[in-house]
């Protein structure tokens, strides 16, 4: 596994490639993560709302369908994400308003300004 500094370098490089500001996700910050990311389901989706309190703003889930069930996302500290879904680590420097969708041999990263309004539903 890459070191923390190597991961940050990958995150900064991705931000530069996307012409996005780098906003580090700190180890103590929490994610909303769907339990299905450990099941091998593809693709993996991620989006970032503005951080609030001790949350990173990140929501990560697997598959092509999104659930609005209240228990779909579970809280997880960033320091544990490498055990759950290491393939997403390079995206975690993207600032609020960014999304990604990854699968074997496929990567899409884009800006979605609707994510900055946290009253908007996630979709």
C-alpha atoms as a PDB file:
ATOM      1  CA  UNK A   1       0.000   0.000   0.000  1.00  0.00           C
ATOM      2  CA  UNK A   2       1.151   3.526  -0.751  1.00  0.00           C
ATOM      3  CA  UNK A   3       2.294   5.728   2.099  1.00  0.00           C
ATOM      4  CA  UNK A   4       0.170   8.634   3.275  1.00  0.00           C
ATOM      5  CA  UNK A   5       2.537  11.090   1.535  1.00  0.00           C
ATOM      6  CA  UNK A   6       2.331   9.144  -1.736  1.00  0.00           C
ATOM      7  CA  UNK A   7      -1.461   9.185  -1.544  1.00  0.00           C
ATOM      8  CA  UNK A   8      -1.471  12.950  -0.960  1.00  0.00           C
ATOM      9  CA  UNK A   9       0.831  13.354  -3.981  1.00  0.00           C
ATOM     10  CA  UNK A  10      -1.645  11.310  -6.076  1.00  0.00           C
ATOM     11  CA  UNK A  11      -4.519  13.449  -4.785  1.00  0.00           C
ATOM     12  CA  UNK A  12      -2.709  16.689  -5.631  1.00  0.00           C
ATOM     13  CA  UNK A  13      -1.837  15.396  -9.108  1.00  0.00           C
ATOM     14  CA  UNK A  14      -5.481  14.481  -9.766  1.00  0.00           C
ATOM     15  CA  UNK A  15      -6.633  17.911  -8.592  1.00  0.00           C
ATOM     16  CA  UNK A  16      -4.108  19.579 -10.874  1.00  0.00           C
ATOM     17  CA  UNK A  17      -5.248  17.421 -13.802  1.00  0.00           C
ATOM     18  CA  UNK A  18      -8.882  18.371 -13.113  1.00  0.00           C
ATOM     19  CA  UNK A  19      -7.998  22.044 -12.483  1.00  0.00           C
ATOM     20  CA  UNK A  20      -9.537  21.731  -9.026  1.00  0.00           C
ATOM     21  CA  UNK A  21      -8.289  23.103  -5.730  1.00  0.00           C
ATOM     22  CA  UNK A  22      -6.829  20.509  -3.349  1.00  0.00           C
ATOM     23  CA  UNK A  23      -8.716  20.064  -0.071  1.00  0.00           C
ATOM     24  CA  UNK A  24      -7.202  17.384   2.113  1.00  0.00           C
ATOM     25  CA  UNK A  25      -9.457  14.896   3.830  1.00  0.00           C
ATOM     26  CA  UNK A  26      -8.114  14.518   7.360  1.00  0.00           C
ATOM     27  CA  UNK A  27      -7.917  11.123   9.075  1.00  0.00           C
ATOM     28  CA  UNK A  28     -10.310  12.118  11.869  1.00  0.00           C
ATOM     29  CA  UNK A  29     -13.020  13.261   9.446  1.00  0.00           C
ATOM     30  CA  UNK A  30     -16.005  11.023   8.779  1.00  0.00           C
ATOM     31  CA  UNK A  31     -17.466   9.744   5.526  1.00  0.00           C
ATOM     32  CA  UNK A  32     -20.893   8.504   4.694  1.00  0.00           C
ATOM     33  CA  UNK A  33     -20.128   5.110   3.198  1.00  0.00           C
ATOM     34  CA  UNK A  34     -22.424   2.385   1.961  1.00  0.00           C
ATOM     35  CA  UNK A  35     -21.659  -1.046   3.319  1.00  0.00           C
ATOM     36  CA  UNK A  36     -21.845  -2.448  -0.222  1.00  0.00           C
ATOM     37  CA  UNK A  37     -18.427  -1.024  -1.151  1.00  0.00           C
ATOM     38  CA  UNK A  38     -16.818  -4.070   0.464  1.00  0.00           C
ATOM     39  CA  UNK A  39     -18.892  -6.493  -1.648  1.00  0.00           C
ATOM     40  CA  UNK A  40     -16.982  -6.041  -4.912  1.00  0.00           C
ATOM     41  CA  UNK A  41     -19.938  -4.307  -6.580  1.00  0.00           C
ATOM     42  CA  UNK A  42     -19.010  -1.932  -9.406  1.00  0.00           C
ATOM     43  CA  UNK A  43     -18.886   0.933 -10.137  1.00  0.00           C
ATOM     44  CA  UNK A  44     -17.728   2.854  -7.081  1.00  0.00           C
ATOM     45  CA  UNK A  45     -19.298   6.310  -6.761  1.00  0.00           C
ATOM     46  CA  UNK A  46     -18.185   9.248  -4.687  1.00  0.00           C
ATOM     47  CA  UNK A  47     -19.366  12.804  -4.200  1.00  0.00           C
ATOM     48  CA  UNK A  48     -18.367  15.601  -1.889  1.00  0.00           C
ATOM     49  CA  UNK A  49     -20.620  18.115  -0.186  1.00  0.00           C
ATOM     50  CA  UNK A  50     -19.082  20.943   1.875  1.00  0.00           C
ATOM     51  CA  UNK A  51     -17.482  19.591   5.072  1.00  0.00           C
ATOM     52  CA  UNK A  52     -19.358  20.342   8.272  1.00  0.00           C
ATOM     53  CA  UNK A  53     -18.124  19.731  11.811  1.00  0.00           C
ATOM     54  CA  UNK A  54     -16.082  16.534  11.828  1.00  0.00           C
ATOM     55  CA  UNK A  55     -17.436  15.292   8.489  1.00  0.00           C
ATOM     56  CA  UNK A  56     -15.453  15.356   5.260  1.00  0.00           C
ATOM     57  CA  UNK A  57     -18.488  15.891   3.047  1.00  0.00           C
ATOM     58  CA  UNK A  58     -17.741  12.641   1.186  1.00  0.00           C
ATOM     59  CA  UNK A  59     -20.376  10.004   0.411  1.00  0.00           C
ATOM     60  CA  UNK A  60     -19.203   6.763  -1.218  1.00  0.00           C
ATOM     61  CA  UNK A  61     -21.285   3.843  -2.490  1.00  0.00           C
ATOM     62  CA  UNK A  62     -21.095   0.959  -4.935  1.00  0.00           C
ATOM     63  CA  UNK A  63     -23.353  -0.031  -7.787  1.00  0.00           C
ATOM     64  CA  UNK A  64     -25.537   1.686 -10.315  1.00  0.00           C
ATOM     65  CA  UNK A  65     -28.462   2.320  -8.000  1.00  0.00           C
ATOM     66  CA  UNK A  66     -28.619   4.732  -5.124  1.00  0.00           C
ATOM     67  CA  UNK A  67     -30.782   4.168  -2.087  1.00  0.00           C
ATOM     68  CA  UNK A  68     -32.493   6.884  -0.082  1.00  0.00           C
ATOM     69  CA  UNK A  69     -32.887   4.511   2.866  1.00  0.00           C
ATOM     70  CA  UNK A  70     -31.876   6.275   6.085  1.00  0.00           C
ATOM     71  CA  UNK A  71     -29.318   3.559   6.899  1.00  0.00           C
ATOM     72  CA  UNK A  72     -27.767   3.363   3.402  1.00  0.00           C
ATOM     73  CA  UNK A  73     -24.730   5.357   4.550  1.00  0.00           C
ATOM     74  CA  UNK A  74     -22.800   4.482   7.691  1.00  0.00           C
ATOM     75  CA  UNK A  75     -20.242   6.814   9.282  1.00  0.00           C
ATOM     76  CA  UNK A  76     -16.600   5.849   8.833  1.00  0.00           C
ATOM     77  CA  UNK A  77     -13.460   7.774   9.796  1.00  0.00           C
ATOM     78  CA  UNK A  78     -11.152   8.514   6.877  1.00  0.00           C
ATOM     79  CA  UNK A  79      -8.295   6.624   8.512  1.00  0.00           C
ATOM     80  CA  UNK A  80     -10.245   3.364   7.990  1.00  0.00           C
ATOM     81  CA  UNK A  81     -11.156   3.926   4.355  1.00  0.00           C
ATOM     82  CA  UNK A  82      -8.038   2.162   3.038  1.00  0.00           C
ATOM     83  CA  UNK A  83      -9.369  -1.058   4.598  1.00  0.00           C
ATOM     84  CA  UNK A  84     -12.842  -0.614   3.101  1.00  0.00           C
ATOM     85  CA  UNK A  85     -12.125   0.763  -0.379  1.00  0.00           C
ATOM     86  CA  UNK A  86      -8.515   1.690  -1.203  1.00  0.00           C
ATOM     87  CA  UNK A  87      -9.357   2.452  -4.843  1.00  0.00           C
ATOM     88  CA  UNK A  88     -10.989   5.757  -3.829  1.00  0.00           C
ATOM     89  CA  UNK A  89      -8.057   7.213  -1.895  1.00  0.00           C
ATOM     90  CA  UNK A  90      -6.629   9.213  -4.809  1.00  0.00           C
ATOM     91  CA  UNK A  91      -9.916  11.139  -5.204  1.00  0.00           C
ATOM     92  CA  UNK A  92     -10.196  12.366  -1.629  1.00  0.00           C
ATOM     93  CA  UNK A  93      -8.324  15.631  -2.230  1.00  0.00           C
ATOM     94  CA  UNK A  94     -11.043  16.893  -4.557  1.00  0.00           C
ATOM     95  CA  UNK A  95     -12.955  19.798  -3.034  1.00  0.00           C
ATOM     96  CA  UNK A  96     -16.709  20.035  -2.434  1.00  0.00           C
ATOM     97  CA  UNK A  97     -18.731  19.937  -5.622  1.00  0.00           C
ATOM     98  CA  UNK A  98     -16.756  17.095  -7.201  1.00  0.00           C
ATOM     99  CA  UNK A  99     -17.830  13.561  -8.042  1.00  0.00           C
ATOM    100  CA  UNK A 100     -16.163  10.434  -9.331  1.00  0.00           C
ATOM    101  CA  UNK A 101     -17.269   7.116 -10.759  1.00  0.00           C
ATOM    102  CA  UNK A 102     -14.723   4.323 -11.132  1.00  0.00           C
ATOM    103  CA  UNK A 103     -14.741   0.715 -12.283  1.00  0.00           C
ATOM    104  CA  UNK A 104     -12.008  -1.565 -13.614  1.00  0.00           C
ATOM    105  CA  UNK A 105     -10.617   0.213 -16.699  1.00  0.00           C
ATOM    106  CA  UNK A 106     -12.951   3.200 -16.285  1.00  0.00           C
ATOM    107  CA  UNK A 107     -12.690   6.558 -14.521  1.00  0.00           C
ATOM    108  CA  UNK A 108     -14.908   9.622 -14.683  1.00  0.00           C
ATOM    109  CA  UNK A 109     -14.331  12.726 -12.555  1.00  0.00           C
ATOM    110  CA  UNK A 110     -16.494  15.822 -12.850  1.00  0.00           C
ATOM    111  CA  UNK A 111     -17.662  18.976 -11.121  1.00  0.00           C
ATOM    112  CA  UNK A 112     -21.311  19.146 -10.024  1.00  0.00           C
ATOM    113  CA  UNK A 113     -22.181  22.556  -8.529  1.00  0.00           C
ATOM    114  CA  UNK A 114     -25.474  21.143  -7.189  1.00  0.00           C
ATOM    115  CA  UNK A 115     -23.453  19.357  -4.501  1.00  0.00           C
ATOM    116  CA  UNK A 116     -22.627  22.688  -2.899  1.00  0.00           C
ATOM    117  CA  UNK A 117     -26.268  23.102  -1.888  1.00  0.00           C
ATOM    118  CA  UNK A 118     -26.585  20.450   0.799  1.00  0.00           C
ATOM    119  CA  UNK A 119     -30.366  20.734   0.678  1.00  0.00           C
ATOM    120  CA  UNK A 120     -30.273  19.057  -2.743  1.00  0.00           C
ATOM    121  CA  UNK A 121     -30.841  15.288  -2.670  1.00  0.00           C
ATOM    122  CA  UNK A 122     -27.882  13.079  -3.549  1.00  0.00           C
ATOM    123  CA  UNK A 123     -28.337  11.294  -6.856  1.00  0.00           C
END
